[in-house]
C-alpha atoms as a PDB file:
ATOM      1  CA  GLY A   1       0.139  -0.168  -0.043  1.00  0.00           C
ATOM      2  CA  ARG A   2       1.165   3.439  -0.093  1.00  0.00           C
ATOM      3  CA  ASN A   3       3.137   5.207   2.715  1.00  0.00           C
ATOM      4  CA  PRO A   4       1.653   7.841   5.148  1.00  0.00           C
ATOM      5  CA  GLU A   5       2.397  11.385   4.062  1.00  0.00           C
ATOM      6  CA  HIS A   6       3.828  12.065   7.593  1.00  0.00           C
ATOM      7  CA  CYS A   7       6.718   9.060   7.431  1.00  0.00           C
ATOM      8  CA  ASP A   8      10.063  10.348   7.431  1.00  0.00           C
ATOM      9  CA  GLU A   9      11.889   9.359   4.347  1.00  0.00           C
ATOM     10  CA  ASP A  10      14.871   7.508   5.821  1.00  0.00           C
ATOM     11  CA  VAL A  11      12.017   4.963   7.245  1.00  0.00           C
ATOM     12  CA  VAL A  12      11.113   3.850   4.334  1.00  0.00           C
ATOM     13  CA  ALA A  13      14.355   3.794   2.268  1.00  0.00           C
ATOM     14  CA  VAL A  14      14.849   0.299   1.074  1.00  0.00           C
ATOM     15  CA  SER A  15      18.510  -0.868   1.647  1.00  0.00           C
ATOM     16  CA  LYS A  16      20.545  -2.135  -1.305  1.00  0.00           C
ATOM     17  CA  LYS A  17      20.942  -5.538   0.407  1.00  0.00           C
ATOM     18  CA  SER A  18      17.334  -6.411   0.654  1.00  0.00           C
ATOM     19  CA  GLN A  19      17.255  -6.300  -3.111  1.00  0.00           C
ATOM     20  CA  GLY A  20      17.776  -9.736  -5.275  1.00  0.00           C
ATOM     21  CA  GLY A  21      20.937  -8.813  -6.733  1.00  0.00           C
ATOM     22  CA  GLY A  22      22.817  -8.102  -3.665  1.00  0.00           C
ATOM     23  CA  VAL A  23      21.535 -11.290  -2.319  1.00  0.00           C
ATOM     24  CA  TRP A  24      23.097 -13.523  -5.213  1.00  0.00           C
ATOM     25  CA  ARG A  25      26.357 -11.422  -5.011  1.00  0.00           C
ATOM     26  CA  ASP A  26      26.804 -12.225  -1.214  1.00  0.00           C
ATOM     27  CA  LEU A  27      25.716 -16.013  -1.902  1.00  0.00           C
ATOM     28  CA  LEU A  28      27.909 -16.863  -4.980  1.00  0.00           C
ATOM     29  CA  LEU A  29      30.012 -14.425  -6.270  1.00  0.00           C
ATOM     30  CA  HIS A  30      31.612 -13.025  -3.152  1.00  0.00           C
ATOM     31  CA  PRO A  31      30.513 -14.800   0.007  1.00  0.00           C
ATOM     32  CA  THR A  32      32.173 -14.233   3.506  1.00  0.00           C
ATOM     33  CA  PRO A  33      33.913 -17.630   4.702  1.00  0.00           C
ATOM     34  CA  ALA A  34      30.695 -17.923   6.799  1.00  0.00           C
ATOM     35  CA  VAL A  35      28.221 -17.643   3.929  1.00  0.00           C
ATOM     36  CA  ARG A  36      30.488 -20.063   1.393  1.00  0.00           C
ATOM     37  CA  HIS A  37      30.495 -22.636   4.514  1.00  0.00           C
ATOM     38  CA  ILE A  38      26.939 -22.383   4.971  1.00  0.00           C
ATOM     39  CA  LEU A  39      26.030 -22.686   1.511  1.00  0.00           C
ATOM     40  CA  ILE A  40      28.102 -25.826   1.050  1.00  0.00           C
ATOM     41  CA  CYS A  41      26.381 -27.186   4.138  1.00  0.00           C
ATOM     42  CA  ALA A  42      22.938 -26.385   3.148  1.00  0.00           C
ATOM     43  CA  VAL A  43      23.651 -27.697  -0.704  1.00  0.00           C
ATOM     44  CA  GLY A  44      25.544 -30.431   0.372  1.00  0.00           C
ATOM     45  CA  ILE A  45      22.815 -31.904   2.814  1.00  0.00           C
ATOM     46  CA  HIS A  46      20.107 -31.387  -0.040  1.00  0.00           C
ATOM     47  CA  PHE A  47      22.326 -33.231  -2.609  1.00  0.00           C
ATOM     48  CA  PHE A  48      23.004 -36.275  -0.226  1.00  0.00           C
ATOM     49  CA  GLN A  49      19.452 -36.698   0.938  1.00  0.00           C
ATOM     50  CA  GLN A  50      18.676 -37.637  -2.734  1.00  0.00           C
ATOM     51  CA  ALA A  51      22.119 -39.217  -3.990  1.00  0.00           C
ATOM     52  CA  SER A  52      21.424 -41.911  -0.996  1.00  0.00           C
ATOM     53  CA  GLY A  53      19.029 -43.589  -3.100  1.00  0.00           C
ATOM     54  CA  ILE A  54      15.969 -42.972  -1.146  1.00  0.00           C
ATOM     55  CA  ASP A  55      13.728 -42.428  -4.217  1.00  0.00           C
ATOM     56  CA  SER A  56      15.069 -45.768  -5.784  1.00  0.00           C
ATOM     57  CA  VAL A  57      14.103 -47.535  -2.911  1.00  0.00           C
ATOM     58  CA  VAL A  58      10.554 -46.264  -2.044  1.00  0.00           C
ATOM     59  CA  LEU A  59       9.815 -46.155  -6.003  1.00  0.00           C
ATOM     60  CA  TYR A  60      11.037 -49.416  -7.116  1.00  0.00           C
ATOM     61  CA  SER A  61      10.256 -51.494  -3.427  1.00  0.00           C
ATOM     62  CA  PRO A  62       7.797 -53.489  -5.803  1.00  0.00           C
ATOM     63  CA  GLU A  63      10.767 -54.384  -8.051  1.00  0.00           C
ATOM     64  CA  ILE A  64      12.983 -55.081  -4.810  1.00  0.00           C
ATOM     65  CA  PHE A  65      10.287 -57.329  -3.369  1.00  0.00           C
ATOM     66  CA  GLU A  66      10.345 -59.181  -6.863  1.00  0.00           C
ATOM     67  CA  LYS A  67      13.626 -59.676  -7.103  1.00  0.00           C
ATOM     68  CA  ALA A  68      13.795 -60.970  -3.625  1.00  0.00           C
ATOM     69  CA  GLY A  69      11.516 -63.710  -4.366  1.00  0.00           C
ATOM     70  CA  ILE A  70       8.050 -62.245  -3.713  1.00  0.00           C
ATOM     71  CA  ALA A  71       6.009 -63.260  -6.558  1.00  0.00           C
ATOM     72  CA  LYS A  72       2.206 -62.769  -5.367  1.00  0.00           C
ATOM     73  CA  THR A  73       0.873 -59.329  -6.279  1.00  0.00           C
ATOM     74  CA  THR A  74      -0.745 -59.195  -2.632  1.00  0.00           C
ATOM     75  CA  ASP A  75       2.122 -59.866  -0.671  1.00  0.00           C
ATOM     76  CA  LYS A  76       4.409 -57.191  -2.940  1.00  0.00           C
ATOM     77  CA  LEU A  77       1.421 -55.025  -2.151  1.00  0.00           C
ATOM     78  CA  LEU A  78       1.504 -55.601   1.667  1.00  0.00           C
ATOM     79  CA  ALA A  79       5.474 -55.046   1.349  1.00  0.00           C
ATOM     80  CA  THR A  80       5.295 -51.784  -0.437  1.00  0.00           C
ATOM     81  CA  MET A  81       2.570 -50.797   2.289  1.00  0.00           C
ATOM     82  CA  ALA A  82       4.890 -51.563   4.879  1.00  0.00           C
ATOM     83  CA  VAL A  83       7.757 -49.626   3.503  1.00  0.00           C
ATOM     84  CA  GLY A  84       5.087 -46.421   3.406  1.00  0.00           C
ATOM     85  CA  PHE A  85       3.723 -46.859   6.766  1.00  0.00           C
ATOM     86  CA  THR A  86       7.228 -47.061   8.360  1.00  0.00           C
ATOM     87  CA  LYS A  87       8.392 -44.204   6.350  1.00  0.00           C
ATOM     88  CA  THR A  88       5.498 -42.037   7.957  1.00  0.00           C
ATOM     89  CA  LEU A  89       5.878 -43.485  11.403  1.00  0.00           C
ATOM     90  CA  PHE A  90       9.364 -42.677  11.923  1.00  0.00           C
ATOM     91  CA  ILE A  91       9.007 -39.323  10.487  1.00  0.00           C
ATOM     92  CA  LEU A  92       6.492 -39.008  13.706  1.00  0.00           C
ATOM     93  CA  VAL A  93       9.324 -40.118  15.841  1.00  0.00           C
ATOM     94  CA  ALA A  94      11.780 -37.715  14.334  1.00  0.00           C
ATOM     95  CA  THR A  95       9.747 -34.854  15.498  1.00  0.00           C
ATOM     96  CA  PHE A  96       9.899 -35.579  18.946  1.00  0.00           C
ATOM     97  CA  LEU A  97      13.781 -36.418  18.864  1.00  0.00           C
ATOM     98  CA  LEU A  98      14.674 -33.325  16.921  1.00  0.00           C
ATOM     99  CA  ASP A  99      14.967 -30.777  19.994  1.00  0.00           C
ATOM    100  CA  LYS A 100      15.808 -33.428  22.453  1.00  0.00           C
ATOM    101  CA  ILE A 101      18.584 -34.925  20.798  1.00  0.00           C
ATOM    102  CA  GLY A 102      19.634 -32.390  18.606  1.00  0.00           C
ATOM    103  CA  ARG A 103      20.481 -32.183  14.803  1.00  0.00           C
ATOM    104  CA  ARG A 104      23.857 -33.485  14.549  1.00  0.00           C
ATOM    105  CA  PRO A 105      23.676 -36.951  16.499  1.00  0.00           C
ATOM    106  CA  LEU A 106      20.419 -37.487  14.861  1.00  0.00           C
ATOM    107  CA  LEU A 107      21.748 -37.141  11.268  1.00  0.00           C
ATOM    108  CA  LEU A 108      24.798 -39.083  12.062  1.00  0.00           C
ATOM    109  CA  SER A 109      23.070 -41.948  13.417  1.00  0.00           C
ATOM    110  CA  SER A 110      20.669 -42.015  10.688  1.00  0.00           C
ATOM    111  CA  VAL A 111      23.242 -41.755   7.845  1.00  0.00           C
ATOM    112  CA  ALA A 112      24.898 -44.697   9.639  1.00  0.00           C
ATOM    113  CA  GLY A 113      21.829 -46.737   9.806  1.00  0.00           C
ATOM    114  CA  MET A 114      21.290 -45.942   6.271  1.00  0.00           C
ATOM    115  CA  ILE A 115      24.864 -47.270   5.045  1.00  0.00           C
ATOM    116  CA  VAL A 116      24.295 -50.461   7.013  1.00  0.00           C
ATOM    117  CA  SER A 117      20.652 -51.002   5.630  1.00  0.00           C
ATOM    118  CA  LEU A 118      21.688 -50.396   2.051  1.00  0.00           C
ATOM    119  CA  LEU A 119      24.783 -53.260   2.668  1.00  0.00           C
ATOM    120  CA  GLY A 120      22.256 -55.775   3.967  1.00  0.00           C
ATOM    121  CA  LEU A 121      20.140 -55.047   0.760  1.00  0.00           C
ATOM    122  CA  ALA A 122      23.016 -55.073  -1.471  1.00  0.00           C
ATOM    123  CA  ILE A 123      24.205 -58.346  -0.139  1.00  0.00           C
ATOM    124  CA  GLY A 124      20.835 -59.748   0.008  1.00  0.00           C
ATOM    125  CA  LEU A 125      20.062 -58.757  -3.812  1.00  0.00           C
ATOM    126  CA  THR A 126      23.249 -60.176  -4.893  1.00  0.00           C
ATOM    127  CA  VAL A 127      23.159 -63.678  -3.139  1.00  0.00           C
ATOM    128  CA  ILE A 128      19.501 -64.085  -4.604  1.00  0.00           C
ATOM    129  CA  GLU A 129      20.285 -63.240  -7.832  1.00  0.00           C
ATOM    130  CA  HIS A 130      23.415 -65.655  -8.005  1.00  0.00           C
ATOM    131  CA  ALA A 131      21.386 -68.585  -5.762  1.00  0.00           C
ATOM    132  CA  GLU A 132      20.250 -71.950  -7.675  1.00  0.00           C
ATOM    133  CA  HIS A 133      17.175 -71.826  -5.300  1.00  0.00           C
ATOM    134  CA  LYS A 134      15.059 -69.645  -3.060  1.00  0.00           C
ATOM    135  CA  LEU A 135      16.893 -68.850   0.046  1.00  0.00           C
ATOM    136  CA  ILE A 136      14.626 -67.442   2.904  1.00  0.00           C
ATOM    137  CA  TRP A 137      17.381 -65.715   4.924  1.00  0.00           C
ATOM    138  CA  ALA A 138      18.389 -63.611   1.948  1.00  0.00           C
ATOM    139  CA  ILE A 139      14.653 -62.886   1.050  1.00  0.00           C
ATOM    140  CA  ALA A 140      14.299 -61.853   4.729  1.00  0.00           C
ATOM    141  CA  LEU A 141      17.382 -59.642   4.927  1.00  0.00           C
ATOM    142  CA  CYS A 142      16.207 -57.657   1.590  1.00  0.00           C
ATOM    143  CA  ILE A 143      12.948 -56.969   3.374  1.00  0.00           C
ATOM    144  CA  GLY A 144      14.409 -56.057   6.757  1.00  0.00           C
ATOM    145  CA  SER A 145      17.148 -53.810   5.015  1.00  0.00           C
ATOM    146  CA  THR A 146      14.227 -52.145   2.866  1.00  0.00           C
ATOM    147  CA  LEU A 147      12.406 -51.141   5.937  1.00  0.00           C
ATOM    148  CA  SER A 148      15.162 -50.138   8.273  1.00  0.00           C
ATOM    149  CA  TYR A 149      16.599 -48.074   5.594  1.00  0.00           C
ATOM    150  CA  VAL A 150      13.418 -46.243   4.968  1.00  0.00           C
ATOM    151  CA  SER A 151      12.997 -46.032   8.957  1.00  0.00           C
ATOM    152  CA  PHE A 152      16.677 -44.796   9.653  1.00  0.00           C
ATOM    153  CA  PHE A 153      16.027 -42.099   6.401  1.00  0.00           C
ATOM    154  CA  SER A 154      12.707 -40.636   8.008  1.00  0.00           C
ATOM    155  CA  ILE A 155      14.268 -40.464  11.588  1.00  0.00           C
ATOM    156  CA  GLY A 156      17.154 -38.189  10.562  1.00  0.00           C
ATOM    157  CA  MET A 157      18.267 -37.497   6.865  1.00  0.00           C
ATOM    158  CA  GLY A 158      14.497 -36.950   5.658  1.00  0.00           C
ATOM    159  CA  PRO A 159      13.219 -34.168   7.907  1.00  0.00           C
ATOM    160  CA  ILE A 160      16.838 -32.542   8.929  1.00  0.00           C
ATOM    161  CA  THR A 161      17.668 -31.651   5.678  1.00  0.00           C
ATOM    162  CA  TRP A 162      15.066 -29.067   5.708  1.00  0.00           C
ATOM    163  CA  VAL A 163      15.409 -27.929   9.351  1.00  0.00           C
ATOM    164  CA  TYR A 164      19.189 -27.593   8.964  1.00  0.00           C
ATOM    165  CA  SER A 165      19.385 -25.773   5.661  1.00  0.00           C
ATOM    166  CA  SER A 166      16.658 -23.279   6.593  1.00  0.00           C
ATOM    167  CA  GLU A 167      18.157 -23.072  10.097  1.00  0.00           C
ATOM    168  CA  ILE A 168      21.520 -21.905   9.219  1.00  0.00           C
ATOM    169  CA  PHE A 169      21.190 -18.908   6.359  1.00  0.00           C
ATOM    170  CA  PRO A 170      21.287 -15.439   7.570  1.00  0.00           C
ATOM    171  CA  LEU A 171      17.646 -13.844   7.226  1.00  0.00           C
ATOM    172  CA  ARG A 172      18.635 -11.746   4.176  1.00  0.00           C
ATOM    173  CA  LEU A 173      20.214 -14.744   2.286  1.00  0.00           C
ATOM    174  CA  ARG A 174      17.503 -17.480   3.616  1.00  0.00           C
ATOM    175  CA  ALA A 175      15.009 -17.603   0.583  1.00  0.00           C
ATOM    176  CA  GLN A 176      17.598 -17.819  -2.160  1.00  0.00           C
ATOM    177  CA  GLY A 177      19.910 -20.271  -0.165  1.00  0.00           C
ATOM    178  CA  CYS A 178      17.052 -22.430   0.412  1.00  0.00           C
ATOM    179  CA  ALA A 179      15.948 -22.144  -2.939  1.00  0.00           C
ATOM    180  CA  MET A 180      19.132 -23.341  -4.554  1.00  0.00           C
ATOM    181  CA  GLY A 181      19.246 -26.555  -1.997  1.00  0.00           C
ATOM    182  CA  VAL A 182      15.715 -27.377  -3.248  1.00  0.00           C
ATOM    183  CA  ALA A 183      16.651 -26.890  -6.655  1.00  0.00           C
ATOM    184  CA  LEU A 184      19.461 -29.298  -6.210  1.00  0.00           C
ATOM    185  CA  ASN A 185      17.344 -31.716  -4.475  1.00  0.00           C
ATOM    186  CA  ARG A 186      14.926 -31.937  -7.057  1.00  0.00           C
ATOM    187  CA  VAL A 187      17.402 -32.317  -9.863  1.00  0.00           C
ATOM    188  CA  THR A 188      19.379 -35.036  -8.003  1.00  0.00           C
ATOM    189  CA  SER A 189      16.168 -36.906  -7.318  1.00  0.00           C
ATOM    190  CA  GLY A 190      15.139 -36.952 -10.976  1.00  0.00           C
ATOM    191  CA  VAL A 191      18.644 -38.066 -12.068  1.00  0.00           C
ATOM    192  CA  ILE A 192      18.267 -41.006  -9.436  1.00  0.00           C
ATOM    193  CA  SER A 193      15.173 -41.929 -10.307  1.00  0.00           C
ATOM    194  CA  MET A 194      15.850 -41.964 -14.076  1.00  0.00           C
ATOM    195  CA  THR A 195      19.190 -43.907 -13.741  1.00  0.00           C
ATOM    196  CA  PHE A 196      17.901 -46.489 -11.449  1.00  0.00           C
ATOM    197  CA  LEU A 197      16.886 -49.146 -14.176  1.00  0.00           C
ATOM    198  CA  SER A 198      19.655 -48.347 -16.267  1.00  0.00           C
ATOM    199  CA  LEU A 199      22.126 -48.568 -13.551  1.00  0.00           C
ATOM    200  CA  ASN A 200      20.364 -52.215 -12.603  1.00  0.00           C
ATOM    201  CA  ARG A 201      21.451 -53.342 -16.243  1.00  0.00           C
ATOM    202  CA  ALA A 202      24.690 -51.894 -16.120  1.00  0.00           C
ATOM    203  CA  ILE A 203      25.881 -53.287 -12.578  1.00  0.00           C
ATOM    204  CA  THR A 204      22.750 -55.178 -11.256  1.00  0.00           C
ATOM    205  CA  ILE A 205      20.486 -54.329  -8.662  1.00  0.00           C
ATOM    206  CA  GLY A 206      22.865 -55.637  -5.930  1.00  0.00           C
ATOM    207  CA  GLY A 207      25.843 -53.100  -7.603  1.00  0.00           C
ATOM    208  CA  ALA A 208      23.183 -50.341  -7.437  1.00  0.00           C
ATOM    209  CA  PHE A 209      22.713 -50.556  -3.846  1.00  0.00           C
ATOM    210  CA  PHE A 210      26.419 -51.046  -2.949  1.00  0.00           C
ATOM    211  CA  LEU A 211      26.960 -47.684  -4.955  1.00  0.00           C
ATOM    212  CA  TYR A 212      24.055 -46.089  -3.089  1.00  0.00           C
ATOM    213  CA  ALA A 213      25.931 -47.415   0.101  1.00  0.00           C
ATOM    214  CA  GLY A 214      29.213 -45.674  -0.771  1.00  0.00           C
ATOM    215  CA  VAL A 215      27.620 -42.133  -1.578  1.00  0.00           C
ATOM    216  CA  ALA A 216      26.034 -42.439   2.111  1.00  0.00           C
ATOM    217  CA  ALA A 217      29.372 -43.295   3.318  1.00  0.00           C
ATOM    218  CA  ILE A 218      30.638 -40.377   1.634  1.00  0.00           C
ATOM    219  CA  ALA A 219      27.974 -38.281   2.949  1.00  0.00           C
ATOM    220  CA  LEU A 220      28.785 -39.391   6.922  1.00  0.00           C
ATOM    221  CA  VAL A 221      32.053 -38.377   6.357  1.00  0.00           C
ATOM    222  CA  PHE A 222      30.984 -34.642   4.769  1.00  0.00           C
ATOM    223  CA  PHE A 223      28.429 -34.470   7.481  1.00  0.00           C
ATOM    224  CA  TYR A 224      30.938 -35.307  10.462  1.00  0.00           C
ATOM    225  CA  THR A 225      33.449 -33.002   9.209  1.00  0.00           C
ATOM    226  CA  LEU A 226      31.537 -29.897   8.190  1.00  0.00           C
ATOM    227  CA  TYR A 227      28.459 -29.672  10.022  1.00  0.00           C
ATOM    228  CA  PRO A 228      28.158 -28.023  13.571  1.00  0.00           C
ATOM    229  CA  GLU A 229      25.185 -28.633  15.883  1.00  0.00           C
ATOM    230  CA  THR A 230      22.972 -25.861  15.270  1.00  0.00           C
ATOM    231  CA  GLN A 231      20.094 -26.440  18.231  1.00  0.00           C
ATOM    232  CA  GLY A 232      19.678 -23.614  20.350  1.00  0.00           C
ATOM    233  CA  LYS A 233      21.930 -21.061  18.556  1.00  0.00           C
ATOM    234  CA  THR A 234      20.958 -17.597  17.734  1.00  0.00           C
ATOM    235  CA  LEU A 235      21.597 -16.294  14.330  1.00  0.00           C
ATOM    236  CA  GLU A 236      24.651 -14.305  15.475  1.00  0.00           C
ATOM    237  CA  GLU A 237      26.018 -17.602  17.125  1.00  0.00           C
ATOM    238  CA  MET A 238      25.619 -19.051  13.725  1.00  0.00           C
ATOM    239  CA  GLU A 239      27.219 -16.513  11.593  1.00  0.00           C
ATOM    240  CA  SER A 240      30.313 -16.985  13.823  1.00  0.00           C
ATOM    241  CA  LEU A 241      30.355 -21.048  14.122  1.00  0.00           C
ATOM    242  CA  PHE A 242      30.325 -21.374  10.205  1.00  0.00           C
ATOM    243  CA  GLY A 243      33.272 -19.909   8.147  1.00  0.00           C
ATOM    244  CA  THR A 244      35.979 -22.245   9.851  1.00  0.00           C
ATOM    245  CA  PHE A 245      34.928 -25.117   7.924  1.00  0.00           C
ATOM    246  CA  SER A 246      36.241 -28.356   9.576  1.00  0.00           C
ATOM    247  CA  LYS A 247      37.575 -26.222  12.513  1.00  0.00           C
ATOM    248  CA  TRP A 248      34.208 -25.589  13.659  1.00  0.00           C
ATOM    249  CA  ARG A 249      34.570 -27.431  17.154  1.00  0.00           C
ATOM    250  CA  SER A 250      37.306 -25.102  18.424  1.00  0.00           C
ATOM    251  CA  THR A 251      35.354 -22.113  17.137  1.00  0.00           C
ATOM    252  CA  LEU A 252      32.600 -23.679  19.065  1.00  0.00           C
ATOM    253  CA  ARG A 253      34.797 -24.161  22.138  1.00  0.00           C
ATOM    254  CA  THR A 254      35.680 -20.442  22.073  1.00  0.00           C
ATOM    255  CA  LEU A 255      32.056 -19.279  21.635  1.00  0.00           C
ATOM    256  CA  ASN A 256      31.110 -21.526  24.870  1.00  0.00           C
ATOM    257  CA  GLU A 257      34.044 -19.959  26.723  1.00  0.00           C
ATOM    258  CA  LYS A 258      32.758 -16.181  25.745  1.00  0.00           C
ATOM    259  CA  LYS A 259      29.226 -17.288  26.731  1.00  0.00           C
ATOM    260  CA  SER A 260      30.249 -18.631  30.125  1.00  0.00           C
ATOM    261  CA  GLU A 261      32.374 -15.505  30.833  1.00  0.00           C
ATOM    262  CA  LYS A 262      29.694 -13.197  29.917  1.00  0.00           C
ATOM    263  CA  ASN A 263      27.259 -15.120  32.145  1.00  0.00           C
ATOM    264  CA  GLY A 264      29.710 -15.408  34.817  1.00  0.00           C
ATOM    265  CA  GLN A 265      29.773 -11.344  34.529  1.00  0.00           C
ATOM    266  CA  ILE A 266      26.225 -11.173  34.618  1.00  0.00           C
ATOM    267  CA  GLN A 267      26.011 -12.891  37.756  1.00  0.00           C
ATOM    268  CA  LEU A 268      28.557 -10.969  39.222  1.00  0.00           C
ATOM    269  CA  GLU A 269      26.970  -7.752  38.589  1.00  0.00           C
ATOM    270  CA  GLY A 270      23.883  -9.522  39.849  1.00  0.00           C
ATOM    271  CA  ALA A 271      25.232 -10.105  42.978  1.00  0.00           C
ATOM    272  CA  ARG A 272      26.871  -6.976  43.555  1.00  0.00           C
ATOM    273  CA  VAL A 273      23.501  -5.142  42.819  1.00  0.00           C
ATOM    274  CA  ALA A 274      21.596  -7.235  45.394  1.00  0.00           C
ATOM    275  CA  SER A 275      24.224  -6.788  47.960  1.00  0.00           C
END
């Protein structure tokens, strides 16, 4: 709407920073070390969320179950419904755990669980492919691994990607920063979905899941090295936490020392006032 006449000019002046061009410049062309670190973390978590194969497991679970030797359509449907149900259930569990445990431990344990599950699935499918007759343990391993993969994904990697990437950007860069993450997320998702069947033909279905397990292992190292805990941090603290890349632990230590010094001073002043 129009501004009231009595407004002082300097109140309504729009700063250069809040215009789109300035934001892209600060994000991509001349980012500070903190913004560069934040961008790498946000874009990286979106990439790995999809590159670790969630869409292949969910979209092609009927094929996986068929390869695992479940022939009847009703059984396949039941197994696929179990995947959907498990996913929903563990997303609900994650909402309770996010603020209790913190982002980082939940993310790391989630990815570790995904790696183990993918390896289980890959081994199960590879064994079934080379077996002469039906192996019940291998079929059970495939179904169990699929369900555990989806559970581990939904408890950490699934929701934390969205929470973490939106939490770490300074406010003026948030919209564009998050948009870049989401764009990469969707592109990676499309590439994974479209290449899954060709990947099967090239390196077998077991090989495809070994590949995703490898990507998840890289993700685990990437997250462990570069991602500070963000729970309960103010935006100012975020800006000072990021920017030292893999040395964020010492930055966090300095931050906490400063914080406790400040709290000590406040308590001292409080005591002085009280006396």
